[in-house]
Amino acid sequence: MKAMMIAAAAIGLMAAFPAGAQTSVTTTTTETTGSITIAPEQRTVIHQRLGTAKPVTIKERVSVGATVPDTVELQTVPDTIVSDIPSVKGYSYFVYNDDVVLVDPKTRKVVTIVE
């Protein structure tokens, strides 16, 4: 009888946890910009279309939430990309170390890095 109760409890615990294989969506949030959600396949499109821009060289470390120096010229995300990926509307970008860095142009804060 004890063995059946332990087995039932173990099955109940396993059912309480979600399965490991799930589709993931990357969400990056910052205090000043809210959030931006870009699905993995959309990140690929952004990298392919914008990653060919001339890369920027800066001394500062580029990371999400960091402020981009005024010396970095930000480019507007083209309307052709915004029409396909509306979540990038209003953001600017630059290329750094083969990554596309999306920036809030008002605050110059990095909102996400597309590798």
PDB file of N, CA and C in Angstrom:
ATOM      1  N   MET A   1       0.811  -1.184   0.000  1.00  0.00           N
ATOM      2  CA  MET A   1       0.000   0.000   0.000  1.00  0.00           C
ATOM      3  C   MET A   1       0.865   1.262   0.000  1.00  0.00           C
ATOM      4  N   LYS A   2       1.922   1.260   0.842  1.00  0.00           N
ATOM      5  CA  LYS A   2       2.836   2.401   0.881  1.00  0.00           C
ATOM      6  C   LYS A   2       3.485   2.622  -0.481  1.00  0.00           C
ATOM      7  N   ALA A   3       3.875   1.516  -1.121  1.00  0.00           N
ATOM      8  CA  ALA A   3       4.536   1.610  -2.426  1.00  0.00           C
ATOM      9  C   ALA A   3       3.609   2.244  -3.456  1.00  0.00           C
ATOM     10  N   MET A   4       2.326   1.931  -3.423  1.00  0.00           N
ATOM     11  CA  MET A   4       1.368   2.511  -4.373  1.00  0.00           C
ATOM     12  C   MET A   4       1.199   4.003  -4.125  1.00  0.00           C
ATOM     13  N   MET A   5       1.200   4.417  -2.857  1.00  0.00           N
ATOM     14  CA  MET A   5       1.053   5.836  -2.537  1.00  0.00           C
ATOM     15  C   MET A   5       2.289   6.611  -2.980  1.00  0.00           C
ATOM     16  N   ILE A   6       3.461   6.042  -2.820  1.00  0.00           N
ATOM     17  CA  ILE A   6       4.696   6.698  -3.257  1.00  0.00           C
ATOM     18  C   ILE A   6       4.717   6.805  -4.779  1.00  0.00           C
ATOM     19  N   ALA A   7       4.319   5.743  -5.458  1.00  0.00           N
ATOM     20  CA  ALA A   7       4.276   5.767  -6.928  1.00  0.00           C
ATOM     21  C   ALA A   7       3.287   6.808  -7.415  1.00  0.00           C
ATOM     22  N   ALA A   8       2.132   6.902  -6.803  1.00  0.00           N
ATOM     23  CA  ALA A   8       1.121   7.889  -7.196  1.00  0.00           C
ATOM     24  C   ALA A   8       1.640   9.303  -6.970  1.00  0.00           C
ATOM     25  N   ALA A   9       2.342   9.517  -5.861  1.00  0.00           N
ATOM     26  CA  ALA A   9       2.912  10.834  -5.574  1.00  0.00           C
ATOM     27  C   ALA A   9       3.976  11.199  -6.605  1.00  0.00           C
ATOM     28  N   ALA A  10       4.790  10.248  -6.994  1.00  0.00           N
ATOM     29  CA  ALA A  10       5.839  10.495  -7.985  1.00  0.00           C
ATOM     30  C   ALA A  10       5.226  10.847  -9.335  1.00  0.00           C
ATOM     31  N   ILE A  11       4.191  10.153  -9.728  1.00  0.00           N
ATOM     32  CA  ILE A  11       3.515  10.449 -11.004  1.00  0.00           C
ATOM     33  C   ILE A  11       2.891  11.837 -10.941  1.00  0.00           C
ATOM     34  N   GLY A  12       2.309  12.174  -9.812  1.00  0.00           N
ATOM     35  CA  GLY A  12       1.715  13.502  -9.645  1.00  0.00           C
ATOM     36  C   GLY A  12       2.747  14.608  -9.760  1.00  0.00           C
ATOM     37  N   LEU A  13       3.927  14.392  -9.198  1.00  0.00           N
ATOM     38  CA  LEU A  13       4.998  15.382  -9.301  1.00  0.00           C
ATOM     39  C   LEU A  13       5.470  15.545 -10.732  1.00  0.00           C
ATOM     40  N   MET A  14       5.611  14.442 -11.454  1.00  0.00           N
ATOM     41  CA  MET A  14       6.060  14.522 -12.849  1.00  0.00           C
ATOM     42  C   MET A  14       5.044  15.255 -13.706  1.00  0.00           C
ATOM     43  N   ALA A  15       3.783  15.085 -13.435  1.00  0.00           N
ATOM     44  CA  ALA A  15       2.746  15.748 -14.212  1.00  0.00           C
ATOM     45  C   ALA A  15       2.701  17.247 -13.928  1.00  0.00           C
ATOM     46  N   ALA A  16       3.198  17.657 -12.769  1.00  0.00           N
ATOM     47  CA  ALA A  16       3.157  19.064 -12.387  1.00  0.00           C
ATOM     48  C   ALA A  16       4.195  19.913 -13.118  1.00  0.00           C
ATOM     49  N   PHE A  17       5.226  19.281 -13.659  1.00  0.00           N
ATOM     50  CA  PHE A  17       6.276  20.030 -14.335  1.00  0.00           C
ATOM     51  C   PHE A  17       6.063  19.987 -15.839  1.00  0.00           C
ATOM     52  N   PRO A  18       6.231  21.134 -16.554  1.00  0.00           N
ATOM     53  CA  PRO A  18       6.025  21.159 -17.995  1.00  0.00           C
ATOM     54  C   PRO A  18       7.124  20.393 -18.732  1.00  0.00           C
ATOM     55  N   ALA A  19       6.804  20.016 -19.948  1.00  0.00           N
ATOM     56  CA  ALA A  19       7.771  19.291 -20.781  1.00  0.00           C
ATOM     57  C   ALA A  19       8.942  20.192 -21.122  1.00  0.00           C
ATOM     58  N   GLY A  20      10.118  19.622 -21.343  1.00  0.00           N
ATOM     59  CA  GLY A  20      11.326  20.391 -21.632  1.00  0.00           C
ATOM     60  C   GLY A  20      11.398  20.934 -23.042  1.00  0.00           C
ATOM     61  N   ALA A  21      10.804  20.284 -24.024  1.00  0.00           N
ATOM     62  CA  ALA A  21      10.916  20.715 -25.418  1.00  0.00           C
ATOM     63  C   ALA A  21       9.807  21.707 -25.732  1.00  0.00           C
ATOM     64  N   GLN A  22      10.149  22.986 -25.717  1.00  0.00           N
ATOM     65  CA  GLN A  22       9.178  24.027 -26.020  1.00  0.00           C
ATOM     66  C   GLN A  22       9.812  25.031 -26.955  1.00  0.00           C
ATOM     67  N   THR A  23       9.000  25.701 -27.748  1.00  0.00           N
ATOM     68  CA  THR A  23       9.484  26.757 -28.627  1.00  0.00           C
ATOM     69  C   THR A  23       9.816  27.970 -27.774  1.00  0.00           C
ATOM     70  N   SER A  24      10.952  28.609 -28.054  1.00  0.00           N
ATOM     71  CA  SER A  24      11.334  29.760 -27.250  1.00  0.00           C
ATOM     72  C   SER A  24      11.250  31.042 -28.066  1.00  0.00           C
ATOM     73  N   VAL A  25      10.916  32.123 -27.386  1.00  0.00           N
ATOM     74  CA  VAL A  25      10.901  33.457 -27.955  1.00  0.00           C
ATOM     75  C   VAL A  25      11.770  34.307 -27.046  1.00  0.00           C
ATOM     76  N   THR A  26      12.688  35.065 -27.634  1.00  0.00           N
ATOM     77  CA  THR A  26      13.583  35.893 -26.849  1.00  0.00           C
ATOM     78  C   THR A  26      12.908  37.225 -26.552  1.00  0.00           C
ATOM     79  N   THR A  27      12.844  37.583 -25.294  1.00  0.00           N
ATOM     80  CA  THR A  27      12.298  38.864 -24.882  1.00  0.00           C
ATOM     81  C   THR A  27      13.366  39.581 -24.080  1.00  0.00           C
ATOM     82  N   THR A  28      13.680  40.782 -24.499  1.00  0.00           N
ATOM     83  CA  THR A  28      14.649  41.578 -23.782  1.00  0.00           C
ATOM     84  C   THR A  28      13.927  42.799 -23.237  1.00  0.00           C
ATOM     85  N   THR A  29      14.069  43.063 -21.960  1.00  0.00           N
ATOM     86  CA  THR A  29      13.416  44.226 -21.379  1.00  0.00           C
ATOM     87  C   THR A  29      14.456  45.126 -20.730  1.00  0.00           C
ATOM     88  N   THR A  30      14.156  46.415 -20.764  1.00  0.00           N
ATOM     89  CA  THR A  30      14.974  47.380 -20.037  1.00  0.00           C
ATOM     90  C   THR A  30      14.022  48.327 -19.322  1.00  0.00           C
ATOM     91  N   GLU A  31      14.490  49.000 -18.301  1.00  0.00           N
ATOM     92  CA  GLU A  31      13.633  49.878 -17.522  1.00  0.00           C
ATOM     93  C   GLU A  31      13.136  51.063 -18.337  1.00  0.00           C
ATOM     94  N   THR A  32      13.936  51.546 -19.287  1.00  0.00           N
ATOM     95  CA  THR A  32      13.588  52.772 -19.984  1.00  0.00           C
ATOM     96  C   THR A  32      12.821  52.555 -21.274  1.00  0.00           C
ATOM     97  N   THR A  33      12.801  51.351 -21.808  1.00  0.00           N
ATOM     98  CA  THR A  33      12.176  51.167 -23.111  1.00  0.00           C
ATOM     99  C   THR A  33      11.016  50.195 -23.119  1.00  0.00           C
ATOM    100  N   GLY A  34      10.712  49.537 -22.024  1.00  0.00           N
ATOM    101  CA  GLY A  34       9.670  48.521 -22.061  1.00  0.00           C
ATOM    102  C   GLY A  34      10.266  47.223 -22.546  1.00  0.00           C
ATOM    103  N   SER A  35       9.588  46.559 -23.480  1.00  0.00           N
ATOM    104  CA  SER A  35      10.118  45.284 -23.945  1.00  0.00           C
ATOM    105  C   SER A  35      10.041  45.187 -25.455  1.00  0.00           C
ATOM    106  N   ILE A  36      10.869  44.339 -25.991  1.00  0.00           N
ATOM    107  CA  ILE A  36      10.862  44.048 -27.415  1.00  0.00           C
ATOM    108  C   ILE A  36      10.929  42.530 -27.548  1.00  0.00           C
ATOM    109  N   THR A  37      10.024  41.978 -28.322  1.00  0.00           N
ATOM    110  CA  THR A  37       9.973  40.539 -28.518  1.00  0.00           C
ATOM    111  C   THR A  37      10.283  40.242 -29.974  1.00  0.00           C
ATOM    112  N   ILE A  38      11.314  39.436 -30.187  1.00  0.00           N
ATOM    113  CA  ILE A  38      11.717  39.069 -31.542  1.00  0.00           C
ATOM    114  C   ILE A  38      11.910  37.556 -31.574  1.00  0.00           C
ATOM    115  N   ALA A  39      11.105  36.885 -32.387  1.00  0.00           N
ATOM    116  CA  ALA A  39      11.199  35.429 -32.522  1.00  0.00           C
ATOM    117  C   ALA A  39      12.526  35.063 -33.190  1.00  0.00           C
ATOM    118  N   PRO A  40      13.024  33.850 -32.940  1.00  0.00           N
ATOM    119  CA  PRO A  40      14.308  33.436 -33.521  1.00  0.00           C
ATOM    120  C   PRO A  40      14.382  33.589 -35.040  1.00  0.00           C
ATOM    121  N   GLU A  41      13.313  33.232 -35.755  1.00  0.00           N
ATOM    122  CA  GLU A  41      13.359  33.358 -37.223  1.00  0.00           C
ATOM    123  C   GLU A  41      13.390  34.826 -37.654  1.00  0.00           C
ATOM    124  N   GLN A  42      12.780  35.717 -36.858  1.00  0.00           N
ATOM    125  CA  GLN A  42      12.839  37.145 -37.150  1.00  0.00           C
ATOM    126  C   GLN A  42      14.231  37.695 -36.871  1.00  0.00           C
ATOM    127  N   ARG A  43      14.892  37.175 -35.846  1.00  0.00           N
ATOM    128  CA  ARG A  43      16.260  37.594 -35.539  1.00  0.00           C
ATOM    129  C   ARG A  43      17.185  37.244 -36.707  1.00  0.00           C
ATOM    130  N   THR A  44      16.932  36.085 -37.315  1.00  0.00           N
ATOM    131  CA  THR A  44      17.731  35.677 -38.482  1.00  0.00           C
ATOM    132  C   THR A  44      17.543  36.663 -39.624  1.00  0.00           C
ATOM    133  N   VAL A  45      16.305  37.072 -39.876  1.00  0.00           N
ATOM    134  CA  VAL A  45      16.010  38.041 -40.949  1.00  0.00           C
ATOM    135  C   VAL A  45      16.718  39.364 -40.671  1.00  0.00           C
ATOM    136  N   ILE A  46      16.636  39.840 -39.428  1.00  0.00           N
ATOM    137  CA  ILE A  46      17.294  41.107 -39.064  1.00  0.00           C
ATOM    138  C   ILE A  46      18.792  41.001 -39.305  1.00  0.00           C
ATOM    139  N   HIS A  47      19.395  39.915 -38.861  1.00  0.00           N
ATOM    140  CA  HIS A  47      20.840  39.763 -39.018  1.00  0.00           C
ATOM    141  C   HIS A  47      21.233  39.695 -40.490  1.00  0.00           C
ATOM    142  N   GLN A  48      20.463  38.986 -41.285  1.00  0.00           N
ATOM    143  CA  GLN A  48      20.783  38.864 -42.713  1.00  0.00           C
ATOM    144  C   GLN A  48      20.650  40.199 -43.437  1.00  0.00           C
ATOM    145  N   ARG A  49      19.611  40.961 -43.114  1.00  0.00           N
ATOM    146  CA  ARG A  49      19.363  42.218 -43.841  1.00  0.00           C
ATOM    147  C   ARG A  49      20.186  43.402 -43.341  1.00  0.00           C
ATOM    148  N   LEU A  50      20.437  43.463 -42.043  1.00  0.00           N
ATOM    149  CA  LEU A  50      21.140  44.619 -41.484  1.00  0.00           C
ATOM    150  C   LEU A  50      22.598  44.347 -41.166  1.00  0.00           C
ATOM    151  N   GLY A  51      22.972  43.087 -41.080  1.00  0.00           N
ATOM    152  CA  GLY A  51      24.330  42.726 -40.689  1.00  0.00           C
ATOM    153  C   GLY A  51      25.396  43.097 -41.695  1.00  0.00           C
ATOM    154  N   THR A  52      24.998  43.510 -42.889  1.00  0.00           N
ATOM    155  CA  THR A  52      25.974  43.881 -43.916  1.00  0.00           C
ATOM    156  C   THR A  52      26.392  45.346 -43.834  1.00  0.00           C
ATOM    157  N   ALA A  53      25.783  46.111 -42.920  1.00  0.00           N
ATOM    158  CA  ALA A  53      26.166  47.517 -42.752  1.00  0.00           C
ATOM    159  C   ALA A  53      27.597  47.598 -42.230  1.00  0.00           C
ATOM    160  N   LYS A  54      28.201  48.767 -42.451  1.00  0.00           N
ATOM    161  CA  LYS A  54      29.578  48.959 -41.987  1.00  0.00           C
ATOM    162  C   LYS A  54      29.637  48.870 -40.459  1.00  0.00           C
ATOM    163  N   PRO A  55      30.520  48.009 -39.930  1.00  0.00           N
ATOM    164  CA  PRO A  55      30.597  47.855 -38.472  1.00  0.00           C
ATOM    165  C   PRO A  55      31.186  49.078 -37.777  1.00  0.00           C
ATOM    166  N   VAL A  56      30.785  49.260 -36.538  1.00  0.00           N
ATOM    167  CA  VAL A  56      31.242  50.363 -35.705  1.00  0.00           C
ATOM    168  C   VAL A  56      32.296  49.839 -34.740  1.00  0.00           C
ATOM    169  N   THR A  57      33.327  50.634 -34.510  1.00  0.00           N
ATOM    170  CA  THR A  57      34.344  50.277 -33.528  1.00  0.00           C
ATOM    171  C   THR A  57      34.237  51.250 -32.362  1.00  0.00           C
ATOM    172  N   ILE A  58      34.003  50.715 -31.174  1.00  0.00           N
ATOM    173  CA  ILE A  58      33.952  51.549 -29.979  1.00  0.00           C
ATOM    174  C   ILE A  58      34.702  50.845 -28.850  1.00  0.00           C
ATOM    175  N   LYS A  59      35.164  51.627 -27.887  1.00  0.00           N
ATOM    176  CA  LYS A  59      35.933  51.084 -26.771  1.00  0.00           C
ATOM    177  C   LYS A  59      35.042  50.464 -25.708  1.00  0.00           C
ATOM    178  N   GLU A  60      33.841  51.028 -25.540  1.00  0.00           N
ATOM    179  CA  GLU A  60      32.931  50.565 -24.507  1.00  0.00           C
ATOM    180  C   GLU A  60      32.411  49.166 -24.821  1.00  0.00           C
ATOM    181  N   ARG A  61      32.044  48.452 -23.766  1.00  0.00           N
ATOM    182  CA  ARG A  61      31.448  47.129 -23.920  1.00  0.00           C
ATOM    183  C   ARG A  61      29.990  47.315 -24.326  1.00  0.00           C
ATOM    184  N   VAL A  62      29.555  46.602 -25.346  1.00  0.00           N
ATOM    185  CA  VAL A  62      28.178  46.691 -25.811  1.00  0.00           C
ATOM    186  C   VAL A  62      27.380  45.559 -25.182  1.00  0.00           C
ATOM    187  N   SER A  63      26.362  45.920 -24.404  1.00  0.00           N
ATOM    188  CA  SER A  63      25.501  44.924 -23.768  1.00  0.00           C
ATOM    189  C   SER A  63      24.104  45.518 -23.621  1.00  0.00           C
ATOM    190  N   VAL A  64      23.121  44.654 -23.441  1.00  0.00           N
ATOM    191  CA  VAL A  64      21.739  45.112 -23.279  1.00  0.00           C
ATOM    192  C   VAL A  64      21.656  46.016 -22.053  1.00  0.00           C
ATOM    193  N   GLY A  65      21.028  47.172 -22.241  1.00  0.00           N
ATOM    194  CA  GLY A  65      20.892  48.147 -21.160  1.00  0.00           C
ATOM    195  C   GLY A  65      21.980  49.203 -21.149  1.00  0.00           C
ATOM    196  N   ALA A  66      23.081  48.959 -21.876  1.00  0.00           N
ATOM    197  CA  ALA A  66      24.184  49.925 -21.924  1.00  0.00           C
ATOM    198  C   ALA A  66      23.781  51.134 -22.771  1.00  0.00           C
ATOM    199  N   THR A  67      24.365  52.278 -22.453  1.00  0.00           N
ATOM    200  CA  THR A  67      24.134  53.490 -23.238  1.00  0.00           C
ATOM    201  C   THR A  67      25.191  53.582 -24.321  1.00  0.00           C
ATOM    202  N   VAL A  68      24.740  53.801 -25.545  1.00  0.00           N
ATOM    203  CA  VAL A  68      25.635  53.902 -26.697  1.00  0.00           C
ATOM    204  C   VAL A  68      26.206  55.325 -26.752  1.00  0.00           C
ATOM    205  N   PRO A  69      27.515  55.470 -26.908  1.00  0.00           N
ATOM    206  CA  PRO A  69      28.120  56.808 -26.960  1.00  0.00           C
ATOM    207  C   PRO A  69      27.571  57.647 -28.119  1.00  0.00           C
ATOM    208  N   ASP A  70      27.591  58.967 -27.941  1.00  0.00           N
ATOM    209  CA  ASP A  70      27.111  59.886 -28.975  1.00  0.00           C
ATOM    210  C   ASP A  70      27.943  59.812 -30.251  1.00  0.00           C
ATOM    211  N   THR A  71      29.142  59.287 -30.149  1.00  0.00           N
ATOM    212  CA  THR A  71      30.015  59.191 -31.330  1.00  0.00           C
ATOM    213  C   THR A  71      29.566  58.094 -32.297  1.00  0.00           C
ATOM    214  N   VAL A  72      28.691  57.189 -31.845  1.00  0.00           N
ATOM    215  CA  VAL A  72      28.190  56.106 -32.703  1.00  0.00           C
ATOM    216  C   VAL A  72      26.996  56.624 -33.495  1.00  0.00           C
ATOM    217  N   GLU A  73      27.092  56.541 -34.820  1.00  0.00           N
ATOM    218  CA  GLU A  73      25.993  56.965 -35.680  1.00  0.00           C
ATOM    219  C   GLU A  73      24.970  55.837 -35.774  1.00  0.00           C
ATOM    220  N   LEU A  74      23.753  56.135 -35.314  1.00  0.00           N
ATOM    221  CA  LEU A  74      22.681  55.146 -35.350  1.00  0.00           C
ATOM    222  C   LEU A  74      21.941  55.231 -36.684  1.00  0.00           C
ATOM    223  N   GLN A  75      21.559  54.069 -37.208  1.00  0.00           N
ATOM    224  CA  GLN A  75      20.796  53.984 -38.454  1.00  0.00           C
ATOM    225  C   GLN A  75      19.348  53.660 -38.111  1.00  0.00           C
ATOM    226  N   THR A  76      18.413  54.204 -38.878  1.00  0.00           N
ATOM    227  CA  THR A  76      17.007  53.879 -38.689  1.00  0.00           C
ATOM    228  C   THR A  76      16.727  52.509 -39.285  1.00  0.00           C
ATOM    229  N   VAL A  77      15.955  51.690 -38.566  1.00  0.00           N
ATOM    230  CA  VAL A  77      15.568  50.385 -39.108  1.00  0.00           C
ATOM    231  C   VAL A  77      14.666  50.651 -40.319  1.00  0.00           C
ATOM    232  N   PRO A  78      15.012  50.099 -41.487  1.00  0.00           N
ATOM    233  CA  PRO A  78      14.239  50.370 -42.713  1.00  0.00           C
ATOM    234  C   PRO A  78      12.785  49.901 -42.610  1.00  0.00           C
ATOM    235  N   ASP A  79      11.895  50.632 -43.310  1.00  0.00           N
ATOM    236  CA  ASP A  79      10.476  50.300 -43.318  1.00  0.00           C
ATOM    237  C   ASP A  79      10.216  48.890 -43.844  1.00  0.00           C
ATOM    238  N   THR A  80      11.073  48.403 -44.737  1.00  0.00           N
ATOM    239  CA  THR A  80      10.878  47.054 -45.279  1.00  0.00           C
ATOM    240  C   THR A  80      11.008  45.998 -44.177  1.00  0.00           C
ATOM    241  N   ILE A  81      11.849  46.263 -43.205  1.00  0.00           N
ATOM    242  CA  ILE A  81      11.995  45.332 -42.083  1.00  0.00           C
ATOM    243  C   ILE A  81      10.870  45.546 -41.077  1.00  0.00           C
ATOM    244  N   VAL A  82      10.518  46.800 -40.820  1.00  0.00           N
ATOM    245  CA  VAL A  82       9.438  47.107 -39.877  1.00  0.00           C
ATOM    246  C   VAL A  82       8.128  46.492 -40.347  1.00  0.00           C
ATOM    247  N   SER A  83       7.881  46.476 -41.664  1.00  0.00           N
ATOM    248  CA  SER A  83       6.635  45.887 -42.161  1.00  0.00           C
ATOM    249  C   SER A  83       6.593  44.380 -41.915  1.00  0.00           C
ATOM    250  N   ASP A  84       7.751  43.723 -41.929  1.00  0.00           N
ATOM    251  CA  ASP A  84       7.829  42.286 -41.651  1.00  0.00           C
ATOM    252  C   ASP A  84       7.906  41.988 -40.155  1.00  0.00           C
ATOM    253  N   ILE A  85       8.544  42.894 -39.404  1.00  0.00           N
ATOM    254  CA  ILE A  85       8.769  42.684 -37.964  1.00  0.00           C
ATOM    255  C   ILE A  85       8.375  43.976 -37.238  1.00  0.00           C
ATOM    256  N   PRO A  86       7.079  44.180 -37.004  1.00  0.00           N
ATOM    257  CA  PRO A  86       6.601  45.441 -36.422  1.00  0.00           C
ATOM    258  C   PRO A  86       7.191  45.788 -35.056  1.00  0.00           C
ATOM    259  N   SER A  87       7.662  44.801 -34.310  1.00  0.00           N
ATOM    260  CA  SER A  87       8.191  45.082 -32.969  1.00  0.00           C
ATOM    261  C   SER A  87       9.465  45.925 -32.989  1.00  0.00           C
ATOM    262  N   VAL A  88      10.119  46.074 -34.146  1.00  0.00           N
ATOM    263  CA  VAL A  88      11.341  46.880 -34.216  1.00  0.00           C
ATOM    264  C   VAL A  88      11.064  48.323 -34.621  1.00  0.00           C
ATOM    265  N   LYS A  89       9.782  48.655 -34.815  1.00  0.00           N
ATOM    266  CA  LYS A  89       9.425  50.024 -35.201  1.00  0.00           C
ATOM    267  C   LYS A  89       9.872  51.018 -34.132  1.00  0.00           C
ATOM    268  N   GLY A  90      10.498  52.096 -34.575  1.00  0.00           N
ATOM    269  CA  GLY A  90      10.937  53.138 -33.656  1.00  0.00           C
ATOM    270  C   GLY A  90      12.348  52.952 -33.121  1.00  0.00           C
ATOM    271  N   TYR A  91      12.953  51.807 -33.407  1.00  0.00           N
ATOM    272  CA  TYR A  91      14.313  51.562 -32.938  1.00  0.00           C
ATOM    273  C   TYR A  91      15.324  51.896 -34.029  1.00  0.00           C
ATOM    274  N   SER A  92      16.546  52.139 -33.601  1.00  0.00           N
ATOM    275  CA  SER A  92      17.671  52.351 -34.509  1.00  0.00           C
ATOM    276  C   SER A  92      18.635  51.196 -34.310  1.00  0.00           C
ATOM    277  N   TYR A  93      19.684  51.163 -35.135  1.00  0.00           N
ATOM    278  CA  TYR A  93      20.636  50.060 -35.003  1.00  0.00           C
ATOM    279  C   TYR A  93      22.025  50.494 -35.437  1.00  0.00           C
ATOM    280  N   PHE A  94      22.989  49.651 -35.076  1.00  0.00           N
ATOM    281  CA  PHE A  94      24.339  49.718 -35.620  1.00  0.00           C
ATOM    282  C   PHE A  94      24.904  48.311 -35.570  1.00  0.00           C
ATOM    283  N   VAL A  95      25.967  48.075 -36.333  1.00  0.00           N
ATOM    284  CA  VAL A  95      26.600  46.759 -36.373  1.00  0.00           C
ATOM    285  C   VAL A  95      27.886  46.833 -35.566  1.00  0.00           C
ATOM    286  N   TYR A  96      28.068  45.839 -34.684  1.00  0.00           N
ATOM    287  CA  TYR A  96      29.231  45.783 -33.810  1.00  0.00           C
ATOM    288  C   TYR A  96      29.669  44.324 -33.705  1.00  0.00           C
ATOM    289  N   ASN A  97      30.905  44.036 -34.089  1.00  0.00           N
ATOM    290  CA  ASN A  97      31.440  42.663 -34.033  1.00  0.00           C
ATOM    291  C   ASN A  97      30.517  41.646 -34.708  1.00  0.00           C
ATOM    292  N   ASP A  98      30.028  41.950 -35.883  1.00  0.00           N
ATOM    293  CA  ASP A  98      29.133  41.078 -36.657  1.00  0.00           C
ATOM    294  C   ASP A  98      27.761  40.890 -36.019  1.00  0.00           C
ATOM    295  N   ASP A  99      27.421  41.654 -35.005  1.00  0.00           N
ATOM    296  CA  ASP A  99      26.099  41.597 -34.385  1.00  0.00           C
ATOM    297  C   ASP A  99      25.337  42.871 -34.732  1.00  0.00           C
ATOM    298  N   VAL A 100      24.017  42.756 -34.864  1.00  0.00           N
ATOM    299  CA  VAL A 100      23.161  43.924 -35.070  1.00  0.00           C
ATOM    300  C   VAL A 100      22.655  44.342 -33.693  1.00  0.00           C
ATOM    301  N   VAL A 101      22.934  45.584 -33.335  1.00  0.00           N
ATOM    302  CA  VAL A 101      22.574  46.103 -32.019  1.00  0.00           C
ATOM    303  C   VAL A 101      21.388  47.046 -32.184  1.00  0.00           C
ATOM    304  N   LEU A 102      20.228  46.690 -31.609  1.00  0.00           N
ATOM    305  CA  LEU A 102      19.044  47.548 -31.666  1.00  0.00           C
ATOM    306  C   LEU A 102      19.051  48.480 -30.465  1.00  0.00           C
ATOM    307  N   VAL A 103      18.763  49.761 -30.750  1.00  0.00           N
ATOM    308  CA  VAL A 103      18.907  50.820 -29.757  1.00  0.00           C
ATOM    309  C   VAL A 103      17.646  51.684 -29.736  1.00  0.00           C
ATOM    310  N   ASP A 104      17.247  52.111 -28.539  1.00  0.00           N
ATOM    311  CA  ASP A 104      16.190  53.109 -28.413  1.00  0.00           C
ATOM    312  C   ASP A 104      16.853  54.458 -28.723  1.00  0.00           C
ATOM    313  N   PRO A 105      16.481  55.114 -29.829  1.00  0.00           N
ATOM    314  CA  PRO A 105      17.181  56.341 -30.211  1.00  0.00           C
ATOM    315  C   PRO A 105      16.979  57.504 -29.240  1.00  0.00           C
ATOM    316  N   LYS A 106      15.905  57.484 -28.457  1.00  0.00           N
ATOM    317  CA  LYS A 106      15.656  58.573 -27.502  1.00  0.00           C
ATOM    318  C   LYS A 106      16.603  58.515 -26.319  1.00  0.00           C
ATOM    319  N   THR A 107      16.871  57.304 -25.846  1.00  0.00           N
ATOM    320  CA  THR A 107      17.720  57.140 -24.665  1.00  0.00           C
ATOM    321  C   THR A 107      19.117  56.634 -25.010  1.00  0.00           C
ATOM    322  N   ARG A 108      19.269  56.141 -26.265  1.00  0.00           N
ATOM    323  CA  ARG A 108      20.507  55.526 -26.747  1.00  0.00           C
ATOM    324  C   ARG A 108      20.871  54.269 -25.946  1.00  0.00           C
ATOM    325  N   LYS A 109      19.869  53.631 -25.347  1.00  0.00           N
ATOM    326  CA  LYS A 109      20.081  52.379 -24.602  1.00  0.00           C
ATOM    327  C   LYS A 109      19.913  51.189 -25.549  1.00  0.00           C
ATOM    328  N   VAL A 110      20.788  50.190 -25.387  1.00  0.00           N
ATOM    329  CA  VAL A 110      20.716  48.961 -26.164  1.00  0.00           C
ATOM    330  C   VAL A 110      19.530  48.156 -25.662  1.00  0.00           C
ATOM    331  N   VAL A 111      18.610  47.783 -26.584  1.00  0.00           N
ATOM    332  CA  VAL A 111      17.441  46.991 -26.186  1.00  0.00           C
ATOM    333  C   VAL A 111      17.606  45.519 -26.487  1.00  0.00           C
ATOM    334  N   THR A 112      18.383  45.185 -27.518  1.00  0.00           N
ATOM    335  CA  THR A 112      18.694  43.785 -27.797  1.00  0.00           C
ATOM    336  C   THR A 112      19.870  43.718 -28.760  1.00  0.00           C
ATOM    337  N   ILE A 113      20.562  42.599 -28.736  1.00  0.00           N
ATOM    338  CA  ILE A 113      21.674  42.340 -29.652  1.00  0.00           C
ATOM    339  C   ILE A 113      21.322  41.101 -30.441  1.00  0.00           C
ATOM    340  N   VAL A 114      21.286  41.250 -31.781  1.00  0.00           N
ATOM    341  CA  VAL A 114      20.940  40.147 -32.664  1.00  0.00           C
ATOM    342  C   VAL A 114      22.238  39.544 -33.174  1.00  0.00           C
ATOM    343  N   GLU A 115      22.540  38.339 -32.712  1.00  0.00           N
ATOM    344  CA  GLU A 115      23.801  37.674 -33.065  1.00  0.00           C
ATOM    345  C   GLU A 115      23.668  36.890 -34.334  1.00  0.00           C
TER     346      GLU A 115
END
